[in-house]
Each structure stands twice: as C-alpha cells, then as structure tokens.
C-alpha cells in the first residue's frame, strides 16, 4: 500500500489518499502518521480517499476486531474528542468491507465513521456540525 496524508488548513482536516493493497497494519500506519502530525489537536476530521483500484480484501472482521480496534483503544489517550472520519470508496467491491467497520459498535466511542461513494457527499458530512 502507498498512502499520502496532508493537512488541509482550510477548513482544517486531514486528507489521506490510499492506493494498492491495504491490510490492517496499513490502516494503523495511517492513524499513527496522523497522530504524529504537528497539526494533530486531539480529533480533527479526516477524509480518506480510496483509489478505485485499491484492494481491501485483506481486511476482514477478525482484523478489524483484533488489530485495528485494539490499536484505537491503545491510542485513546491521544484523542481528546471523537474523530469524524469519512472514507470515499468508489469501488462497489470494497464497499462491503468498509461497511463492516461502519457497523461495528465498539468503535463508536472512538470515532464517528461513515463511508461514501463520492467526495462531495463525504465532505459535506465531514465538515458538518455534529449530528
């Protein structure tokens, strides 16, 4: 997997673009990079743009529950508020994989997560006031 994360000062969010094949360690690496950013303030919104050709097939329920969720729990002290995270997933093949995370209740105390098929909808939700 390759990813690039940039902080967008206006209106104030992190944007990550991912390409290639993605596994749980890659998702954790993205989180670690954001948490280490000088712009990190405890819970800035995040936009993750998933390239159409990205392969998310290595991420399953077990890796979500046994790798990603424990990482988020371990890094809880670095988060002073619940993060809003929008993933733009244009490929229908990947949407069910992301939907599993979206539906996992254990992550709800850590992040407000939603997936979209296009960037305008994701940005509208991401930057909206908390529902």
N, C-alpha and C. Protein backbone atom coordinates (compact mmCIF):
# COMPACT_ATOMS: atom_id res chain seq x y z
N UNK A 1 0.84 -1.18 0.00
CA UNK A 1 0.00 0.00 0.00
C UNK A 1 0.87 1.23 0.00
N UNK A 2 0.40 2.20 -0.68
CA UNK A 2 1.01 3.52 -0.61
C UNK A 2 -0.07 4.49 -0.13
N UNK A 3 0.35 5.42 0.71
CA UNK A 3 -0.61 6.44 1.13
C UNK A 3 0.12 7.76 1.31
N UNK A 4 -0.63 8.81 1.13
CA UNK A 4 -0.13 10.16 1.37
C UNK A 4 -1.17 10.88 2.20
N UNK A 5 -0.70 11.51 3.27
CA UNK A 5 -1.59 12.28 4.13
C UNK A 5 -1.14 13.73 4.12
N UNK A 6 -2.10 14.60 3.98
CA UNK A 6 -1.84 16.04 4.00
C UNK A 6 -2.83 16.69 4.96
N UNK A 7 -2.36 17.71 5.63
CA UNK A 7 -3.27 18.51 6.45
C UNK A 7 -3.76 19.68 5.61
N UNK A 8 -5.06 19.84 5.53
CA UNK A 8 -5.68 20.94 4.79
C UNK A 8 -6.13 21.99 5.81
N UNK A 9 -5.36 23.10 5.94
CA UNK A 9 -5.67 24.08 6.98
C UNK A 9 -7.03 24.75 6.82
N UNK A 10 -7.47 24.90 5.60
CA UNK A 10 -8.80 25.46 5.37
C UNK A 10 -9.65 24.40 4.69
N UNK A 11 -10.58 23.87 5.36
CA UNK A 11 -11.19 24.26 6.62
C UNK A 11 -10.67 23.51 7.85
N UNK A 12 -9.58 22.79 7.74
CA UNK A 12 -8.98 22.14 8.90
C UNK A 12 -9.30 20.66 9.01
N UNK A 13 -8.70 19.84 8.13
CA UNK A 13 -8.90 18.40 8.20
C UNK A 13 -7.69 17.70 7.58
N UNK A 14 -7.56 16.41 7.89
CA UNK A 14 -6.53 15.58 7.29
C UNK A 14 -7.13 14.87 6.08
N UNK A 15 -6.35 14.80 5.00
CA UNK A 15 -6.78 14.10 3.79
C UNK A 15 -5.74 13.04 3.46
N UNK A 16 -6.18 11.80 3.36
CA UNK A 16 -5.29 10.69 3.02
C UNK A 16 -5.79 10.04 1.75
N UNK A 17 -4.86 9.80 0.84
CA UNK A 17 -5.15 9.05 -0.38
C UNK A 17 -4.43 7.72 -0.29
N UNK A 18 -5.15 6.62 -0.52
CA UNK A 18 -4.51 5.30 -0.47
C UNK A 18 -4.62 4.61 -1.82
N UNK A 19 -3.57 3.87 -2.14
CA UNK A 19 -3.51 3.09 -3.38
C UNK A 19 -2.95 1.71 -3.06
N UNK A 20 -3.16 0.78 -3.96
CA UNK A 20 -2.57 -0.55 -3.81
C UNK A 20 -3.42 -1.47 -2.95
N UNK A 21 -2.76 -2.44 -2.34
CA UNK A 21 -3.41 -3.41 -1.48
C UNK A 21 -3.27 -2.95 -0.04
N UNK A 22 -4.35 -3.00 0.71
CA UNK A 22 -4.39 -2.45 2.07
C UNK A 22 -4.74 -3.55 3.06
N UNK A 23 -3.98 -3.61 4.17
CA UNK A 23 -4.32 -4.53 5.25
C UNK A 23 -4.46 -3.74 6.55
N UNK A 24 -4.70 -4.43 7.65
CA UNK A 24 -4.91 -3.76 8.94
C UNK A 24 -3.68 -2.95 9.37
N UNK A 25 -2.49 -3.48 9.14
CA UNK A 25 -1.28 -2.74 9.51
C UNK A 25 -1.19 -1.41 8.76
N UNK A 26 -1.66 -1.39 7.53
CA UNK A 26 -1.64 -0.16 6.74
C UNK A 26 -2.62 0.87 7.31
N UNK A 27 -3.80 0.42 7.69
CA UNK A 27 -4.78 1.32 8.29
C UNK A 27 -4.21 1.91 9.60
N UNK A 28 -3.55 1.08 10.36
CA UNK A 28 -2.92 1.54 11.61
C UNK A 28 -1.81 2.53 11.31
N UNK A 29 -1.02 2.29 10.26
CA UNK A 29 0.07 3.20 9.89
C UNK A 29 -0.46 4.58 9.53
N UNK A 30 -1.60 4.63 8.87
CA UNK A 30 -2.22 5.92 8.55
C UNK A 30 -2.59 6.65 9.84
N UNK A 31 -3.19 5.94 10.78
CA UNK A 31 -3.58 6.55 12.05
C UNK A 31 -2.35 7.05 12.80
N UNK A 32 -1.30 6.26 12.84
CA UNK A 32 -0.07 6.65 13.55
C UNK A 32 0.51 7.93 12.94
N UNK A 33 0.49 8.01 11.61
CA UNK A 33 1.02 9.22 10.96
C UNK A 33 0.21 10.45 11.34
N UNK A 34 -1.11 10.33 11.34
CA UNK A 34 -1.95 11.48 11.70
C UNK A 34 -1.72 11.87 13.15
N UNK A 35 -1.67 10.89 14.04
CA UNK A 35 -1.45 11.19 15.46
C UNK A 35 -0.10 11.85 15.71
N UNK A 36 0.87 11.60 14.84
CA UNK A 36 2.19 12.19 14.99
C UNK A 36 2.35 13.53 14.30
N UNK A 37 1.32 13.99 13.61
CA UNK A 37 1.40 15.25 12.88
C UNK A 37 1.44 16.44 13.84
N UNK A 38 2.20 17.48 13.49
CA UNK A 38 2.18 18.69 14.32
C UNK A 38 0.82 19.40 14.29
N UNK A 39 -0.04 19.03 13.35
CA UNK A 39 -1.38 19.62 13.26
C UNK A 39 -2.41 18.87 14.09
N UNK A 40 -2.00 17.74 14.64
CA UNK A 40 -2.93 16.92 15.43
C UNK A 40 -3.30 17.69 16.69
N UNK A 41 -4.57 17.80 16.95
CA UNK A 41 -5.02 18.51 18.15
C UNK A 41 -5.99 17.67 18.98
N UNK A 42 -6.01 16.38 18.72
CA UNK A 42 -6.85 15.51 19.52
C UNK A 42 -8.07 14.97 18.82
N UNK A 43 -8.40 15.48 17.63
CA UNK A 43 -9.58 14.95 16.96
C UNK A 43 -10.03 15.69 15.72
N UNK A 44 -9.13 16.10 14.90
CA UNK A 44 -9.51 16.78 13.65
C UNK A 44 -10.21 15.81 12.69
N UNK A 45 -11.11 16.32 11.87
CA UNK A 45 -11.77 15.46 10.87
C UNK A 45 -10.76 14.86 9.90
N UNK A 46 -11.13 13.70 9.34
CA UNK A 46 -10.27 13.01 8.38
C UNK A 46 -11.07 12.57 7.17
N UNK A 47 -10.48 12.79 6.01
CA UNK A 47 -11.04 12.31 4.76
C UNK A 47 -10.06 11.28 4.20
N UNK A 48 -10.55 10.09 3.89
CA UNK A 48 -9.71 9.05 3.30
C UNK A 48 -10.27 8.74 1.92
N UNK A 49 -9.44 8.99 0.91
CA UNK A 49 -9.82 8.76 -0.48
C UNK A 49 -9.23 7.43 -0.93
N UNK A 50 -10.08 6.46 -1.20
CA UNK A 50 -9.67 5.13 -1.59
C UNK A 50 -9.66 5.07 -3.12
N UNK A 51 -8.49 4.90 -3.71
CA UNK A 51 -8.39 4.80 -5.16
C UNK A 51 -9.29 3.67 -5.65
N UNK A 52 -9.83 3.83 -6.84
CA UNK A 52 -10.75 2.84 -7.42
C UNK A 52 -10.14 1.44 -7.46
N UNK A 53 -8.83 1.35 -7.64
CA UNK A 53 -8.16 0.05 -7.78
C UNK A 53 -7.62 -0.52 -6.47
N UNK A 54 -7.88 0.12 -5.36
CA UNK A 54 -7.41 -0.38 -4.06
C UNK A 54 -8.03 -1.74 -3.77
N UNK A 55 -7.23 -2.62 -3.18
CA UNK A 55 -7.69 -3.94 -2.77
C UNK A 55 -7.77 -3.97 -1.25
N UNK A 56 -8.97 -4.02 -0.71
CA UNK A 56 -9.18 -4.07 0.74
C UNK A 56 -9.48 -5.49 1.22
N UNK A 57 -9.31 -6.47 0.37
CA UNK A 57 -9.74 -7.84 0.69
C UNK A 57 -9.00 -8.47 1.87
N UNK A 58 -7.85 -7.94 2.25
CA UNK A 58 -7.14 -8.49 3.42
C UNK A 58 -7.73 -8.01 4.74
N UNK A 59 -8.64 -7.08 4.68
CA UNK A 59 -9.28 -6.58 5.90
C UNK A 59 -10.60 -7.34 6.07
N UNK A 60 -10.70 -8.05 7.17
CA UNK A 60 -11.91 -8.80 7.47
C UNK A 60 -12.35 -8.48 8.89
N UNK A 61 -13.42 -9.10 9.32
CA UNK A 61 -13.97 -8.85 10.65
C UNK A 61 -12.92 -9.12 11.74
N UNK A 62 -12.16 -10.18 11.58
CA UNK A 62 -11.15 -10.51 12.59
C UNK A 62 -10.08 -9.43 12.68
N UNK A 63 -9.57 -8.96 11.54
CA UNK A 63 -8.52 -7.93 11.58
C UNK A 63 -9.07 -6.62 12.12
N UNK A 64 -10.32 -6.33 11.83
CA UNK A 64 -10.93 -5.12 12.40
C UNK A 64 -11.01 -5.23 13.92
N UNK A 65 -11.50 -6.37 14.41
CA UNK A 65 -11.72 -6.56 15.84
C UNK A 65 -10.43 -6.84 16.62
N UNK A 66 -9.49 -7.53 16.00
CA UNK A 66 -8.30 -7.98 16.73
C UNK A 66 -7.06 -7.12 16.49
N UNK A 67 -7.08 -6.25 15.48
CA UNK A 67 -5.91 -5.41 15.21
C UNK A 67 -6.24 -3.92 15.25
N UNK A 68 -7.20 -3.51 14.44
CA UNK A 68 -7.49 -2.07 14.33
C UNK A 68 -8.15 -1.53 15.59
N UNK A 69 -9.17 -2.19 16.08
CA UNK A 69 -9.84 -1.71 17.29
C UNK A 69 -8.91 -1.66 18.50
N UNK A 70 -8.08 -2.69 18.74
CA UNK A 70 -7.13 -2.59 19.85
C UNK A 70 -6.13 -1.43 19.69
N UNK A 71 -5.72 -1.16 18.45
CA UNK A 71 -4.84 -0.01 18.24
C UNK A 71 -5.55 1.28 18.64
N UNK A 72 -6.80 1.44 18.21
CA UNK A 72 -7.54 2.65 18.55
C UNK A 72 -7.71 2.78 20.06
N UNK A 73 -7.99 1.68 20.71
CA UNK A 73 -8.12 1.70 22.18
C UNK A 73 -6.80 2.10 22.84
N UNK A 74 -5.69 1.55 22.35
CA UNK A 74 -4.38 1.86 22.92
C UNK A 74 -3.99 3.32 22.72
N UNK A 75 -4.49 3.91 21.64
CA UNK A 75 -4.16 5.32 21.34
C UNK A 75 -5.24 6.28 21.84
N UNK A 76 -6.17 5.79 22.63
CA UNK A 76 -7.28 6.61 23.11
C UNK A 76 -6.81 7.88 23.80
N UNK A 77 -5.74 7.82 24.55
CA UNK A 77 -5.25 8.99 25.29
C UNK A 77 -4.81 10.12 24.35
N UNK A 78 -4.48 9.78 23.12
CA UNK A 78 -4.06 10.81 22.15
C UNK A 78 -5.26 11.52 21.53
N UNK A 79 -6.45 11.03 21.82
CA UNK A 79 -7.67 11.61 21.24
C UNK A 79 -8.46 12.30 22.35
N UNK A 80 -8.59 13.60 22.23
CA UNK A 80 -9.32 14.34 23.26
C UNK A 80 -10.79 14.50 22.92
N UNK A 81 -11.15 14.14 21.71
CA UNK A 81 -12.55 14.14 21.31
C UNK A 81 -12.76 13.11 20.20
N UNK A 82 -14.00 12.76 20.00
CA UNK A 82 -14.35 11.76 18.99
C UNK A 82 -14.05 12.33 17.60
N UNK A 83 -13.34 11.54 16.81
CA UNK A 83 -12.99 11.98 15.46
C UNK A 83 -14.13 11.70 14.49
N UNK A 84 -14.23 12.54 13.51
CA UNK A 84 -15.16 12.34 12.40
C UNK A 84 -14.32 11.89 11.22
N UNK A 85 -14.61 10.69 10.69
CA UNK A 85 -13.80 10.12 9.61
C UNK A 85 -14.72 9.69 8.47
N UNK A 86 -14.42 10.20 7.26
CA UNK A 86 -15.18 9.83 6.07
C UNK A 86 -14.25 9.12 5.10
N UNK A 87 -14.65 7.94 4.69
CA UNK A 87 -13.92 7.21 3.65
C UNK A 87 -14.73 7.30 2.36
N UNK A 88 -14.05 7.69 1.28
CA UNK A 88 -14.68 7.71 -0.04
C UNK A 88 -14.23 6.44 -0.75
N UNK A 89 -15.20 5.56 -0.99
CA UNK A 89 -14.92 4.24 -1.56
C UNK A 89 -15.74 4.11 -2.85
N UNK A 90 -15.13 4.43 -3.99
CA UNK A 90 -15.89 4.44 -5.24
C UNK A 90 -16.12 3.05 -5.84
N UNK A 91 -15.39 2.05 -5.39
CA UNK A 91 -15.47 0.72 -5.97
C UNK A 91 -16.45 -0.14 -5.17
N UNK A 92 -17.50 -0.61 -5.81
CA UNK A 92 -18.52 -1.41 -5.12
C UNK A 92 -17.94 -2.68 -4.50
N UNK A 93 -16.85 -3.18 -5.03
CA UNK A 93 -16.21 -4.39 -4.49
C UNK A 93 -15.71 -4.14 -3.06
N UNK A 94 -15.27 -2.92 -2.76
CA UNK A 94 -14.72 -2.60 -1.44
C UNK A 94 -15.75 -2.09 -0.44
N UNK A 95 -16.89 -1.66 -0.91
CA UNK A 95 -17.86 -1.04 0.00
C UNK A 95 -18.32 -1.98 1.13
N UNK A 96 -18.56 -3.28 0.89
CA UNK A 96 -18.98 -4.14 2.00
C UNK A 96 -17.92 -4.27 3.10
N UNK A 97 -16.66 -4.24 2.72
CA UNK A 97 -15.58 -4.35 3.71
C UNK A 97 -15.59 -3.14 4.63
N UNK A 98 -15.73 -1.96 4.04
CA UNK A 98 -15.77 -0.73 4.83
C UNK A 98 -17.07 -0.67 5.64
N UNK A 99 -18.16 -1.19 5.09
CA UNK A 99 -19.44 -1.19 5.80
C UNK A 99 -19.37 -2.00 7.08
N UNK A 100 -18.58 -3.06 7.10
CA UNK A 100 -18.43 -3.86 8.33
C UNK A 100 -17.89 -2.98 9.45
N UNK A 101 -16.86 -2.18 9.15
CA UNK A 101 -16.30 -1.28 10.18
C UNK A 101 -17.35 -0.23 10.57
N UNK A 102 -18.05 0.27 9.59
CA UNK A 102 -19.06 1.29 9.84
C UNK A 102 -20.11 0.79 10.83
N UNK A 103 -20.41 -0.50 10.76
CA UNK A 103 -21.45 -1.08 11.61
C UNK A 103 -20.95 -1.62 12.95
N UNK A 104 -19.63 -1.65 13.15
CA UNK A 104 -19.09 -2.20 14.40
C UNK A 104 -19.33 -1.22 15.55
N UNK A 105 -20.15 -1.58 16.53
CA UNK A 105 -20.48 -0.64 17.60
C UNK A 105 -19.30 -0.33 18.53
N UNK A 106 -18.32 -1.21 18.64
CA UNK A 106 -17.21 -0.99 19.57
C UNK A 106 -16.38 0.23 19.21
N UNK A 107 -16.41 0.69 17.97
CA UNK A 107 -15.62 1.84 17.55
C UNK A 107 -16.34 3.16 17.82
N UNK A 108 -17.63 3.09 18.13
CA UNK A 108 -18.43 4.31 18.22
C UNK A 108 -17.99 5.28 19.31
N UNK A 109 -17.38 4.81 20.37
CA UNK A 109 -16.91 5.74 21.40
C UNK A 109 -15.61 6.43 20.98
N UNK A 110 -14.98 5.93 19.93
CA UNK A 110 -13.70 6.47 19.48
C UNK A 110 -13.82 7.35 18.25
N UNK A 111 -14.76 7.03 17.38
CA UNK A 111 -14.86 7.79 16.13
C UNK A 111 -16.26 7.74 15.56
N UNK A 112 -16.58 8.80 14.86
CA UNK A 112 -17.81 8.88 14.09
C UNK A 112 -17.38 8.61 12.66
N UNK A 113 -17.68 7.42 12.15
CA UNK A 113 -17.15 6.94 10.87
C UNK A 113 -18.30 6.71 9.90
N UNK A 114 -18.08 7.15 8.66
CA UNK A 114 -19.09 6.92 7.63
C UNK A 114 -18.38 6.79 6.29
N UNK A 115 -18.92 5.94 5.42
CA UNK A 115 -18.34 5.77 4.08
C UNK A 115 -19.29 6.34 3.04
N UNK A 116 -18.69 6.77 1.93
CA UNK A 116 -19.42 7.41 0.84
C UNK A 116 -18.88 6.90 -0.48
N UNK A 117 -19.67 7.07 -1.53
CA UNK A 117 -19.19 6.68 -2.86
C UNK A 117 -18.60 7.87 -3.61
N UNK A 118 -18.78 9.10 -3.08
CA UNK A 118 -18.20 10.26 -3.76
C UNK A 118 -17.73 11.30 -2.75
N UNK A 119 -16.77 12.10 -3.19
CA UNK A 119 -16.13 13.07 -2.31
C UNK A 119 -17.04 14.23 -1.90
N UNK A 120 -17.86 14.81 -2.78
CA UNK A 120 -18.71 15.92 -2.32
C UNK A 120 -19.62 15.54 -1.14
N UNK A 121 -20.23 14.37 -1.21
CA UNK A 121 -21.08 13.93 -0.10
C UNK A 121 -20.27 13.72 1.17
N UNK A 122 -19.09 13.14 1.02
CA UNK A 122 -18.23 12.90 2.17
C UNK A 122 -17.83 14.21 2.82
N UNK A 123 -17.44 15.19 2.02
CA UNK A 123 -17.01 16.49 2.57
C UNK A 123 -18.16 17.20 3.26
N UNK A 124 -19.33 17.12 2.69
CA UNK A 124 -20.50 17.75 3.31
C UNK A 124 -20.75 17.19 4.70
N UNK A 125 -20.70 15.87 4.81
CA UNK A 125 -20.90 15.23 6.11
C UNK A 125 -19.73 15.49 7.05
N UNK A 126 -18.50 15.39 6.53
CA UNK A 126 -17.31 15.50 7.35
C UNK A 126 -17.22 16.85 8.05
N UNK A 127 -17.54 17.89 7.34
CA UNK A 127 -17.37 19.24 7.88
C UNK A 127 -18.64 19.82 8.47
N UNK A 128 -19.73 19.04 8.49
CA UNK A 128 -20.98 19.49 9.10
C UNK A 128 -20.85 19.48 10.61
N UNK A 129 -21.67 20.28 11.25
CA UNK A 129 -21.70 20.25 12.71
C UNK A 129 -22.13 18.86 13.16
N UNK A 130 -21.71 18.47 14.34
CA UNK A 130 -22.09 17.15 14.85
C UNK A 130 -23.59 16.96 14.81
N UNK A 131 -23.98 15.78 14.34
CA UNK A 131 -25.43 15.47 14.25
C UNK A 131 -26.00 15.24 15.62
